[in-house]
Amino acid sequence: MDLAALISAAGLEVAGAENVSVTGFAIDNRKVAPGTVFGAFQGARVNGEDFIPAAISAGAAAIVAKPTAKIEGAIHIAADEPRQAFARLAAQFFKPAPEVIVAVTGTNGKTSTVEMTRQIWRMAGERAASIGTLGVTTPDESVSTGLTTPDIVTFHSNMSGLAREGVTHVAYEASSHGLSQYRNEGLSVSAAGFTNFSRDHLDYHKDMEDYFAAKMRLFDEVVNDDATVVVWTGNSEWTGRALEHARKRNLRVFTVGEQGETIRLLTHTSTQLGQTLEIEYDGQTRTINLPLIGAYQSANALVAAGLALATGGSASSVFDAVARLQPVRGRLERAVITQAGAPVYIDYAHTPDALESAIEALRPHVKGRLIAVFGAGGDRDQGKRAEMGRVAAENADLAIVTDDNPRGENAAAIRSEVMAGGAGMREIGDRREAIAAAIAEAGRDDIVLIAGKGHEQGQIIGSGENMRVLPFDDVTVARECAAPQNLGQGAGT
C-alpha cells in the first residue's frame, strides 16, 4: 500500500512519501520488517524514540514520532500526538472495517454492555462481535483474551480481521487508558454508550477530572459527527456532565433509566432468578422479564438496548432479545450452589462502587447472610482500598478480606489497608482458603459473593522479571471448594 495515499487518507501532510510501499505497522521494534511504519511513543517506563535506530535497521519505511525526534534513513511522520497520527494511519491500512461500530465507556459495566449489545445484534440475525476485557468474542461465541482496549495495531488488525470474516457489527470497550493513548482512533463509530462514573485508575490518571476527561474523548473526538450517544441517567453529577459534552457537539442523545427520556425504567422488581422491568419506549409501555439478577445488570441491558436501537434495531426485536440475554462471564455469574443450598456468585467488582452495586444486587435474594470475599490489587490505586473495606463492612453480613492480584506489593500490607476501612472483617490471605471458608460457613439461606477477579484465569504475583501468573479461576475454585469431599477443607488440602 502506498504511504502517500495512507497519509492523505488519514488527513496528514508529509513530504517525500510518494512511491513508498507500506507492508505493516508496529509499535515494537522487534516486529518491524521492511516496509513497516513504526510508532515511537513515550511510554510509562520506556521511550519508543530510543528504538528508532533499531527499527530503521530492520527496514522501517517511516517513523511516527514527535517533531523533535532524531530520524535518519526513514520518512519522519511528525505529530504532536504521534499515537493519534499512528492510529489514524493504521486505520487506513487495516481495511475493510465492520459496517457498524459502537463503543462503550464508563467505570463499571463496559464488559457487560458490549457483550449484551453483541447478543442483541446476534439474536436479530446480525453477524456481530465484541472486543473488551473478555477478549474478542466472535459470532460463533469463540473468545480470544486480551487487554480491555488492545494496542493500536492489534485493535485495528482485529477489526479488519472480523470484517473479512463477514462480521458487520462490533461493540468495543473504550477504556480510559485506551482513550488517553489514542488506541481507538480512525474508525467510523456510529454510537457510544456511557454507563456510569466513579473512582478508579487514579494510579494512572492524576485525579478524577483527568480520568473523566479521558472518558469524554469518546464523545468529544472519537465518535462520528452524526453519532448517537446512549447515557444511563444515574444520580451522579458526572452523568449530567457527560450529557453536556454530547450536546455541545450536537450529537444525538438517548437517555436511559428512571429519568430516561428515550427508555424510561418505570418499575423494577426482583424475582428468584432475575427481575421484571417495566419500561416506556416511544410512547409504549413494555414488560421485560430479564433473566439476570441485579439492578446494575438491568442498567447495562437497557444501555445495550439503546445502542441496538440507535444502530437500526426494531423495538420489538431489541426488547425481545433483552428478555433472552445470557449471563456475561464473571459478572454476577452463579458458579455453584453449595451442598447446604447457598448460591455462590462470582463478580469482577474491583472498585468501591462496583462492590457496593454487586452486594446491592444480591441483597434482595438473601434470606440469611450475605458473605463477601474480596481483596484489592497491588500496583494500582491505593486510595480505593480502605473505601472498599468500608463498603464491605457496612453492606455485607460477613466480609472476608483476601488477596486479589498482589503484583509487586506486599500482600499483607494491601489487606491491612483494606481492613482499615471498617470493623468486623475477617482476614484470610490465601484466596482459595478464603473461598473455602466462606462456602463452608454459608447456610441454606445465605449467599456468597466472590468479588474482584471475575473472568480472570490467573493470580498475578510479583512484578517485572519476578512476575508469575498462578492459575486461578474463581468459578473453578468455588466449585471445587463446594464439592462434598472438600467441604470444611482449606488451602493445600
Protein backbone atom coordinates (compact mmCIF):
# COMPACT_ATOMS: atom_id res chain seq x y z
CA MET A 1 0.00 0.00 0.00
CA ASP A 2 1.31 3.45 -0.90
CA LEU A 3 2.44 5.54 2.09
CA ALA A 4 1.46 8.84 0.44
CA ALA A 5 -2.08 7.55 -0.08
CA LEU A 6 -2.30 6.44 3.58
CA ILE A 7 -1.06 9.82 4.77
CA SER A 8 -3.59 11.67 2.63
CA ALA A 9 -6.49 9.42 3.72
CA ALA A 10 -5.54 9.98 7.37
CA GLY A 11 -5.69 13.75 6.90
CA LEU A 12 -1.96 14.26 7.43
CA GLU A 13 0.66 16.10 5.38
CA VAL A 14 4.16 14.69 4.95
CA ALA A 15 6.59 15.39 2.11
CA GLY A 16 8.58 12.72 0.33
CA ALA A 17 6.22 9.79 0.91
CA GLU A 18 5.47 9.12 -2.74
CA ASN A 19 6.29 5.69 -4.16
CA VAL A 20 6.99 4.24 -0.72
CA SER A 21 5.35 0.88 -0.13
CA VAL A 22 3.93 0.04 3.31
CA THR A 23 3.78 -3.61 4.41
CA GLY A 24 2.64 -3.27 8.02
CA PHE A 25 2.54 -1.31 11.29
CA ALA A 26 4.36 -1.92 14.58
CA ILE A 27 4.94 -0.29 17.94
CA ASP A 28 7.50 -2.94 18.96
CA ASN A 29 10.78 -2.60 17.08
CA ARG A 30 11.23 -6.39 17.25
CA LYS A 31 8.20 -6.75 14.98
CA VAL A 32 9.49 -4.37 12.32
CA ALA A 33 10.04 -5.77 8.82
CA PRO A 34 10.95 -4.00 5.57
CA GLY A 35 8.19 -1.53 4.73
CA THR A 36 6.81 -1.22 8.27
CA VAL A 37 5.54 2.05 9.72
CA PHE A 38 6.97 2.23 13.26
CA GLY A 39 5.31 4.18 16.08
CA ALA A 40 7.82 5.68 18.52
CA PHE A 41 5.94 6.82 21.61
CA GLN A 42 6.86 7.94 25.10
CA GLY A 43 5.60 5.25 27.48
CA ALA A 44 5.34 4.99 31.25
CA ARG A 45 8.62 3.07 31.51
CA VAL A 46 10.40 3.38 28.16
CA ASN A 47 10.69 5.92 25.37
CA GLY A 48 9.94 4.44 21.95
CA GLU A 49 12.24 7.01 20.35
CA ASP A 50 15.18 5.07 21.84
CA PHE A 51 14.34 2.21 19.47
CA ILE A 52 14.13 4.25 16.25
CA PRO A 53 17.65 3.26 15.05
CA ALA A 54 16.83 -0.44 15.57
CA ALA A 55 13.53 -0.06 13.69
CA ILE A 56 15.25 1.68 10.76
CA SER A 57 17.93 -1.03 10.69
CA ALA A 58 15.14 -3.62 10.46
CA GLY A 59 13.70 -1.87 7.41
CA ALA A 60 11.13 0.59 8.74
CA ALA A 61 9.86 2.77 5.88
CA ALA A 62 8.54 5.54 8.13
CA ILE A 63 8.63 6.58 11.77
CA VAL A 64 5.71 8.29 13.50
CA ALA A 65 7.15 10.40 16.31
CA LYS A 66 7.19 13.87 17.81
CA PRO A 67 8.67 16.66 15.67
CA THR A 68 11.77 16.77 17.90
CA ALA A 69 12.70 13.12 17.27
CA LYS A 70 16.03 12.46 15.52
CA ILE A 71 15.38 10.30 12.44
CA GLU A 72 17.80 9.40 9.63
CA GLY A 73 17.17 6.79 6.97
CA ALA A 74 13.35 6.75 7.08
CA ILE A 75 10.48 9.16 6.48
CA HIS A 76 9.59 11.13 9.58
CA ILE A 77 5.84 11.49 10.09
CA ALA A 78 5.93 14.21 12.71
CA ALA A 79 2.98 14.83 15.01
CA ASP A 80 2.49 16.48 18.38
CA GLU A 81 0.30 13.47 19.27
CA PRO A 82 2.14 10.66 17.49
CA ARG A 83 -0.13 7.96 18.93
CA GLN A 84 -3.15 9.65 17.36
CA ALA A 85 -1.46 10.09 13.98
CA PHE A 86 -0.24 6.48 14.03
CA ALA A 87 -3.73 5.18 14.85
CA ARG A 88 -5.31 7.15 12.01
CA LEU A 89 -2.74 5.80 9.58
CA ALA A 90 -3.23 2.25 10.84
CA ALA A 91 -7.00 2.58 10.40
CA GLN A 92 -6.45 3.37 6.73
CA PHE A 93 -4.09 0.41 6.29
CA PHE A 94 -6.22 -2.20 8.05
CA LYS A 95 -9.18 -2.36 5.69
CA PRO A 96 -12.02 -3.24 5.48
CA ALA A 97 -13.73 -2.44 8.79
CA PRO A 98 -17.13 -3.60 10.07
CA GLU A 99 -20.04 -1.50 8.85
CA VAL A 100 -21.48 -0.75 12.30
CA ILE A 101 -19.18 0.02 15.24
CA VAL A 102 -20.23 1.18 18.70
CA ALA A 103 -18.12 1.95 21.76
CA VAL A 104 -18.93 1.88 25.46
CA THR A 105 -17.16 3.80 28.19
CA GLY A 106 -17.73 4.24 31.93
CA THR A 107 -16.12 2.97 35.12
CA ASN A 108 -18.21 -0.16 35.54
CA GLY A 109 -20.41 -2.16 33.20
CA LYS A 110 -18.45 -1.78 29.96
CA THR A 111 -17.82 -5.50 29.53
CA SER A 112 -21.42 -6.50 30.20
CA THR A 113 -22.82 -3.77 27.96
CA VAL A 114 -20.71 -4.59 24.90
CA GLU A 115 -21.38 -8.30 25.30
CA MET A 116 -25.12 -7.71 25.74
CA THR A 117 -25.11 -5.48 22.65
CA ARG A 118 -23.43 -8.28 20.72
CA GLN A 119 -26.05 -10.76 21.93
CA ILE A 120 -28.94 -8.46 20.94
CA TRP A 121 -27.49 -7.99 17.47
CA ARG A 122 -26.90 -11.73 17.11
CA MET A 123 -30.48 -12.54 18.07
CA ALA A 124 -31.61 -10.06 15.41
CA GLY A 125 -29.68 -12.04 12.81
CA GLU A 126 -26.60 -9.84 12.52
CA ARG A 127 -23.01 -11.13 12.29
CA ALA A 128 -21.79 -9.47 15.48
CA ALA A 129 -18.70 -9.45 17.70
CA SER A 130 -17.43 -7.67 20.81
CA ILE A 131 -13.96 -6.55 21.91
CA GLY A 132 -13.02 -5.87 25.51
CA THR A 133 -11.88 -7.28 28.82
CA LEU A 134 -13.14 -10.74 27.89
CA GLY A 135 -11.20 -10.58 24.63
CA VAL A 136 -12.66 -10.82 21.14
CA THR A 137 -15.98 -12.66 21.12
CA THR A 138 -16.95 -13.71 17.60
CA PRO A 139 -20.31 -14.74 16.11
CA ASP A 140 -19.64 -18.40 16.89
CA GLU A 141 -19.08 -17.45 20.57
CA SER A 142 -15.34 -18.21 20.48
CA VAL A 143 -13.23 -15.93 22.65
CA SER A 144 -9.59 -14.86 22.50
CA THR A 145 -8.37 -12.95 25.52
CA GLY A 146 -6.55 -9.64 25.64
CA LEU A 147 -6.46 -6.18 27.19
CA THR A 148 -9.68 -4.21 27.70
CA THR A 149 -8.59 -1.97 24.84
CA PRO A 150 -5.82 -3.71 22.82
CA ASP A 151 -2.82 -1.83 21.49
CA ILE A 152 -3.35 0.27 18.38
CA VAL A 153 -2.09 -2.30 15.87
CA THR A 154 -3.91 -5.23 17.45
CA PHE A 155 -7.15 -3.25 17.69
CA HIS A 156 -7.22 -2.28 14.02
CA SER A 157 -5.97 -5.69 12.91
CA ASN A 158 -8.76 -7.35 14.92
CA MET A 159 -11.37 -5.06 13.39
CA SER A 160 -10.18 -5.75 9.87
CA GLY A 161 -9.97 -9.48 10.53
CA LEU A 162 -13.55 -9.56 11.82
CA ALA A 163 -14.78 -7.68 8.76
CA ARG A 164 -13.03 -10.16 6.46
CA GLU A 165 -14.83 -12.95 8.32
CA GLY A 166 -18.16 -11.33 7.49
CA VAL A 167 -18.76 -9.54 10.80
CA THR A 168 -20.84 -6.42 10.21
CA HIS A 169 -21.49 -5.22 13.79
CA VAL A 170 -18.87 -4.72 16.54
CA ALA A 171 -19.20 -3.31 20.06
CA TYR A 172 -15.97 -2.47 21.89
CA GLU A 173 -14.96 -1.23 25.33
CA ALA A 174 -13.40 2.23 25.32
CA SER A 175 -11.28 2.32 28.46
CA SER A 176 -9.78 5.49 29.84
CA HIS A 177 -6.29 4.12 29.15
CA GLY A 178 -7.23 3.31 25.57
CA LEU A 179 -8.83 6.69 25.00
CA SER A 180 -5.98 8.68 26.52
CA GLN A 181 -3.46 6.67 24.45
CA TYR A 182 -5.43 7.05 21.19
CA ARG A 183 -5.85 3.30 20.70
CA ASN A 184 -9.31 3.67 19.11
CA GLU A 185 -8.75 6.43 16.54
CA GLY A 186 -9.67 6.36 12.89
CA LEU A 187 -12.76 4.17 12.77
CA SER A 188 -16.32 5.19 11.97
CA VAL A 189 -18.08 4.93 15.36
CA SER A 190 -21.82 5.39 14.89
CA ALA A 191 -22.94 5.15 18.54
CA ALA A 192 -21.44 5.24 22.02
CA GLY A 193 -22.62 4.32 25.49
CA PHE A 194 -21.84 5.84 28.90
CA THR A 195 -22.65 3.54 31.83
CA ASN A 196 -21.53 5.36 34.99
CA PHE A 197 -18.54 7.06 36.55
CA SER A 198 -16.82 6.56 39.91
CA ARG A 199 -13.33 6.29 41.36
CA ASP A 200 -10.84 4.01 39.60
CA HIS A 201 -7.43 4.13 37.90
CA LEU A 202 -6.11 7.05 39.93
CA ASP A 203 -2.74 5.30 39.82
CA TYR A 204 -2.73 6.29 36.12
CA HIS A 205 -4.83 9.46 36.00
CA LYS A 206 -3.77 12.34 38.21
CA ASP A 207 -7.29 12.97 39.57
CA MET A 208 -10.98 12.40 38.86
CA GLU A 209 -11.12 15.33 36.43
CA ASP A 210 -8.28 13.89 34.38
CA TYR A 211 -9.96 10.46 34.46
CA PHE A 212 -13.28 11.92 33.31
CA ALA A 213 -11.62 13.95 30.56
CA ALA A 214 -10.11 10.74 29.19
CA LYS A 215 -13.55 9.12 29.11
CA MET A 216 -15.06 12.13 27.36
CA ARG A 217 -12.64 11.91 24.46
CA LEU A 218 -15.07 9.27 23.19
CA PHE A 219 -17.83 11.88 22.85
CA ASP A 220 -15.61 14.85 22.04
CA GLU A 221 -13.38 13.38 19.34
CA VAL A 222 -13.78 9.65 18.60
CA VAL A 223 -17.41 9.15 17.53
CA ASN A 224 -18.78 10.34 14.20
CA ASP A 225 -20.26 13.83 13.92
CA ASP A 226 -23.72 12.30 13.44
CA ALA A 227 -23.33 9.65 16.14
CA THR A 228 -25.86 8.75 18.84
CA VAL A 229 -24.78 8.55 22.48
CA VAL A 230 -26.68 6.41 24.97
CA VAL A 231 -26.34 7.59 28.56
CA TRP A 232 -27.57 5.90 31.73
CA THR A 233 -29.23 8.62 33.81
CA GLY A 234 -27.98 7.93 37.31
CA ASN A 235 -27.97 10.47 40.10
CA SER A 236 -24.30 11.30 39.60
CA GLU A 237 -23.19 14.79 38.59
CA TRP A 238 -20.93 13.06 36.07
CA THR A 239 -23.96 11.87 34.10
CA GLY A 240 -25.08 15.46 33.57
CA ARG A 241 -21.59 16.47 32.55
CA ALA A 242 -21.39 13.62 30.06
CA LEU A 243 -24.64 14.83 28.50
CA GLU A 244 -23.19 18.34 28.28
CA HIS A 245 -20.27 17.00 26.26
CA ALA A 246 -22.63 15.19 23.88
CA ARG A 247 -24.91 18.18 23.40
CA LYS A 248 -22.03 20.60 22.96
CA ARG A 249 -21.05 18.61 19.89
CA ASN A 250 -24.70 18.31 18.76
CA LEU A 251 -24.69 14.53 18.96
CA ARG A 252 -27.99 12.68 19.05
CA VAL A 253 -28.75 11.74 22.67
CA PHE A 254 -30.60 8.70 24.06
CA THR A 255 -31.11 8.81 27.82
CA VAL A 256 -31.95 5.60 29.65
CA GLY A 257 -33.08 4.88 33.22
CA GLU A 258 -35.61 6.08 35.77
CA GLN A 259 -35.11 9.65 34.48
CA GLY A 260 -34.57 8.49 30.91
CA GLU A 261 -36.36 10.29 28.11
CA THR A 262 -35.70 7.62 25.49
CA ILE A 263 -36.05 4.42 27.53
CA ARG A 264 -37.68 5.13 30.86
CA LEU A 265 -37.48 2.48 33.57
CA LEU A 266 -40.88 2.65 35.29
CA THR A 267 -40.64 -0.24 37.74
CA HIS A 268 -38.07 -2.83 38.69
CA THR A 269 -38.99 -6.00 40.62
CA SER A 270 -36.58 -8.74 41.71
CA THR A 271 -37.60 -12.33 41.06
CA GLN A 272 -36.00 -15.57 42.19
CA LEU A 273 -33.72 -15.90 39.18
CA GLY A 274 -33.94 -12.46 37.58
CA GLN A 275 -36.04 -9.32 37.53
CA THR A 276 -39.09 -7.86 35.89
CA LEU A 277 -38.69 -4.48 34.22
CA GLU A 278 -41.50 -2.22 33.15
CA ILE A 279 -40.25 0.31 30.64
CA GLU A 280 -41.63 3.01 28.38
CA TYR A 281 -40.24 3.49 24.89
CA ASP A 282 -41.69 5.56 22.06
CA GLY A 283 -44.93 6.09 23.99
CA GLN A 284 -45.48 2.37 24.59
CA THR A 285 -45.20 0.52 27.91
CA ARG A 286 -43.48 -2.87 27.82
CA THR A 287 -42.78 -5.56 30.40
CA ILE A 288 -39.46 -7.40 30.17
CA ASN A 289 -38.58 -10.48 32.21
CA LEU A 290 -34.80 -10.11 32.36
CA PRO A 291 -33.14 -13.44 33.27
CA LEU A 292 -30.30 -11.73 35.17
CA ILE A 293 -30.21 -10.58 38.79
CA GLY A 294 -29.11 -7.16 39.96
CA ALA A 295 -30.18 -3.58 39.31
CA TYR A 296 -26.91 -2.77 37.59
CA GLN A 297 -27.48 -5.68 35.21
CA SER A 298 -30.74 -4.07 34.16
CA ALA A 299 -28.89 -0.78 33.64
CA ASN A 300 -26.34 -2.47 31.39
CA ALA A 301 -29.06 -4.32 29.49
CA LEU A 302 -31.03 -1.13 28.80
CA VAL A 303 -27.94 0.77 27.65
CA ALA A 304 -27.22 -2.15 25.31
CA ALA A 305 -30.82 -1.96 24.09
CA GLY A 306 -30.34 1.75 23.43
CA LEU A 307 -27.22 1.05 21.35
CA ALA A 308 -29.06 -1.59 19.34
CA LEU A 309 -31.94 0.81 18.71
CA ALA A 310 -29.53 3.60 17.77
CA THR A 311 -27.95 1.37 15.13
CA GLY A 312 -31.19 0.46 13.40
CA GLY A 313 -32.72 -2.30 15.51
CA SER A 314 -36.51 -2.50 15.74
CA ALA A 315 -38.09 -2.07 19.16
CA SER A 316 -39.84 -5.45 19.03
CA SER A 317 -36.70 -7.43 18.18
CA VAL A 318 -34.48 -5.47 20.59
CA PHE A 319 -36.66 -5.81 23.67
CA ASP A 320 -37.48 -9.43 22.85
CA ALA A 321 -33.74 -10.10 22.78
CA VAL A 322 -33.23 -8.33 26.14
CA ALA A 323 -35.56 -10.90 27.70
CA ARG A 324 -33.28 -13.66 26.39
CA LEU A 325 -29.87 -12.28 27.39
CA GLN A 326 -27.37 -14.76 28.78
CA PRO A 327 -25.08 -14.05 31.77
CA VAL A 328 -21.73 -12.46 30.99
CA ARG A 329 -18.67 -14.36 32.19
CA GLY A 330 -17.61 -13.24 35.66
CA ARG A 331 -20.41 -10.69 36.04
CA LEU A 332 -22.70 -11.90 38.83
CA GLU A 333 -22.11 -15.35 37.42
CA ARG A 334 -23.58 -18.11 39.56
CA ALA A 335 -20.74 -20.60 39.90
CA VAL A 336 -22.32 -23.24 42.09
CA ILE A 337 -24.95 -23.97 44.73
CA THR A 338 -23.33 -25.46 47.81
CA GLN A 339 -24.41 -28.69 49.46
CA ALA A 340 -26.15 -26.53 52.06
CA GLY A 341 -28.12 -24.78 49.32
CA ALA A 342 -26.29 -21.44 49.26
CA PRO A 343 -25.67 -19.98 45.80
CA VAL A 344 -22.14 -18.69 45.11
CA TYR A 345 -21.75 -15.75 42.73
CA ILE A 346 -18.58 -14.52 41.02
CA ASP A 347 -18.22 -10.85 40.08
CA TYR A 348 -15.47 -8.68 38.64
CA ALA A 349 -16.22 -5.85 41.10
CA HIS A 350 -12.88 -4.27 41.99
CA THR A 351 -13.88 -0.70 42.83
CA PRO A 352 -15.87 0.57 45.82
CA ASP A 353 -18.84 1.48 43.63
CA ALA A 354 -18.85 -1.86 41.80
CA LEU A 355 -18.55 -3.82 45.04
CA GLU A 356 -21.46 -1.93 46.56
CA SER A 357 -23.53 -2.49 43.40
CA ALA A 358 -22.82 -6.22 43.44
CA ILE A 359 -23.83 -6.52 47.10
CA GLU A 360 -26.98 -4.46 46.48
CA ALA A 361 -27.82 -6.66 43.51
CA LEU A 362 -27.73 -9.80 45.64
CA ARG A 363 -29.36 -8.37 48.77
CA PRO A 364 -33.00 -8.82 47.63
CA HIS A 365 -32.30 -12.53 47.14
CA VAL A 366 -30.79 -13.09 50.60
CA LYS A 367 -32.91 -14.52 53.41
CA GLY A 368 -29.96 -15.13 55.72
CA ARG A 369 -26.49 -13.63 55.45
CA LEU A 370 -24.55 -12.19 52.53
CA ILE A 371 -20.94 -13.34 52.78
CA ALA A 372 -18.48 -11.34 50.67
CA VAL A 373 -14.95 -12.47 49.78
CA PHE A 374 -12.83 -9.72 48.20
CA GLY A 375 -9.45 -8.02 48.05
CA ALA A 376 -7.62 -5.24 46.22
CA GLY A 377 -4.98 -5.39 43.51
CA GLY A 378 -1.38 -4.38 44.01
CA ASP A 379 0.38 -1.65 42.00
CA ARG A 380 -2.98 0.02 41.47
CA ASP A 381 -4.90 2.93 43.03
CA GLN A 382 -4.18 2.61 46.76
CA GLY A 383 -6.75 5.20 47.73
CA LYS A 384 -9.70 2.93 46.95
CA ARG A 385 -8.63 0.12 49.30
CA ALA A 386 -9.99 1.44 52.58
CA GLU A 387 -13.15 2.57 50.79
CA MET A 388 -13.69 -0.97 49.52
CA GLY A 389 -13.27 -2.21 53.08
CA ARG A 390 -15.85 0.30 54.29
CA VAL A 391 -18.34 -0.76 51.63
CA ALA A 392 -17.95 -4.44 52.50
CA ALA A 393 -18.06 -3.89 56.27
CA GLU A 394 -21.21 -1.79 56.04
CA ASN A 395 -23.12 -3.78 53.43
CA ALA A 396 -22.14 -7.44 53.80
CA ASP A 397 -23.11 -9.53 56.82
CA LEU A 398 -19.68 -11.17 56.80
CA ALA A 399 -16.72 -9.72 54.89
CA ILE A 400 -13.61 -11.82 54.29
CA VAL A 401 -10.58 -9.89 53.07
CA THR A 402 -8.20 -11.92 50.94
CA ASP A 403 -5.61 -11.49 48.21
CA ASP A 404 -6.55 -10.34 44.71
CA ASN A 405 -3.56 -9.77 42.40
CA PRO A 406 -0.80 -8.57 44.78
CA ARG A 407 1.59 -7.95 41.88
CA GLY A 408 4.72 -6.20 43.17
CA GLU A 409 3.33 -5.16 46.57
CA ASN A 410 3.31 -6.92 49.91
CA ALA A 411 0.02 -8.81 50.04
CA ALA A 412 -0.38 -8.48 53.82
CA ALA A 413 0.10 -4.71 53.58
CA ILE A 414 -2.63 -4.48 50.93
CA ARG A 415 -5.03 -6.46 53.14
CA SER A 416 -4.21 -4.21 56.06
CA GLU A 417 -5.11 -1.10 54.05
CA VAL A 418 -8.43 -2.69 53.03
CA MET A 419 -9.27 -3.69 56.59
CA ALA A 420 -8.57 -0.19 57.84
CA GLY A 421 -11.83 0.81 56.16
CA GLY A 422 -14.15 -0.94 58.61
CA ALA A 423 -14.57 -3.18 61.62
CA GLY A 424 -15.59 -6.81 61.98
CA MET A 425 -13.97 -8.13 58.83
CA ARG A 426 -12.12 -11.44 58.73
CA GLU A 427 -8.68 -11.76 57.14
CA ILE A 428 -7.67 -14.90 55.21
CA GLY A 429 -4.78 -14.18 52.87
CA ASP A 430 -4.85 -17.31 50.76
CA ARG A 431 -7.66 -16.80 48.23
CA ARG A 432 -8.57 -20.48 47.91
CA GLU A 433 -8.70 -20.82 51.67
CA ALA A 434 -10.87 -17.69 51.93
CA ILE A 435 -13.32 -19.04 49.34
CA ALA A 436 -13.39 -22.43 51.07
CA ALA A 437 -14.08 -20.76 54.43
CA ALA A 438 -16.96 -18.71 53.04
CA ILE A 439 -18.56 -21.73 51.37
CA ALA A 440 -18.14 -23.91 54.46
CA GLU A 441 -19.82 -21.27 56.62
CA ALA A 442 -22.71 -20.47 54.27
CA GLY A 443 -26.07 -21.89 55.27
CA ARG A 444 -29.17 -22.61 53.24
CA ASP A 445 -30.49 -19.04 53.31
CA ASP A 446 -27.11 -17.40 52.72
CA ILE A 447 -25.45 -16.13 49.52
CA VAL A 448 -21.70 -15.99 48.88
CA LEU A 449 -20.20 -13.24 46.71
CA ILE A 450 -16.61 -13.70 45.49
CA ALA A 451 -15.56 -10.35 44.09
CA GLY A 452 -12.61 -8.82 42.30
CA LYS A 453 -11.33 -11.23 39.66
CA GLY A 454 -14.44 -12.28 37.74
CA HIS A 455 -13.42 -13.93 34.47
CA GLU A 456 -9.67 -13.83 35.17
CA GLN A 457 -7.83 -17.12 34.90
CA GLY A 458 -4.74 -16.30 36.95
CA GLN A 459 -3.43 -14.58 40.05
CA ILE A 460 -0.57 -12.16 39.46
CA ILE A 461 2.28 -12.39 41.97
CA GLY A 462 5.37 -10.16 41.72
CA SER A 463 6.29 -7.67 39.02
CA GLY A 464 8.84 -7.19 36.27
CA GLU A 465 11.17 -10.14 35.79
CA ASN A 466 9.85 -11.70 39.01
CA MET A 467 6.20 -11.68 37.93
CA ARG A 468 4.37 -15.01 38.00
CA VAL A 469 0.80 -15.74 36.99
CA LEU A 470 -0.55 -18.61 39.04
CA PRO A 471 -3.52 -20.48 37.51
CA PHE A 472 -6.61 -19.36 39.43
CA ASP A 473 -10.24 -19.21 38.33
CA ASP A 474 -12.76 -18.13 40.99
CA VAL A 475 -15.54 -20.16 39.33
CA THR A 476 -13.48 -23.35 39.24
CA VAL A 477 -12.16 -22.88 42.77
CA ALA A 478 -15.66 -22.22 44.12
CA ARG A 479 -16.93 -25.42 42.52
CA GLU A 480 -14.01 -27.40 43.88
CA CYS A 481 -14.49 -25.99 47.38
CA ALA A 482 -18.24 -26.74 47.26
CA ALA A 483 -17.70 -30.37 46.25
CA PRO A 484 -18.79 -32.74 49.05
CA GLN A 485 -15.31 -34.14 49.64
CA ASN A 486 -13.83 -30.65 50.04
CA LEU A 487 -16.34 -29.06 52.43
CA GLY A 488 -14.61 -27.77 55.52
CA GLN A 489 -11.16 -28.01 53.93
CA GLY A 490 -8.96 -25.10 53.07
CA ALA A 491 -5.86 -24.41 51.06
CA GLY A 492 -3.39 -27.18 50.46
CA THR A 493 -5.86 -29.95 51.21
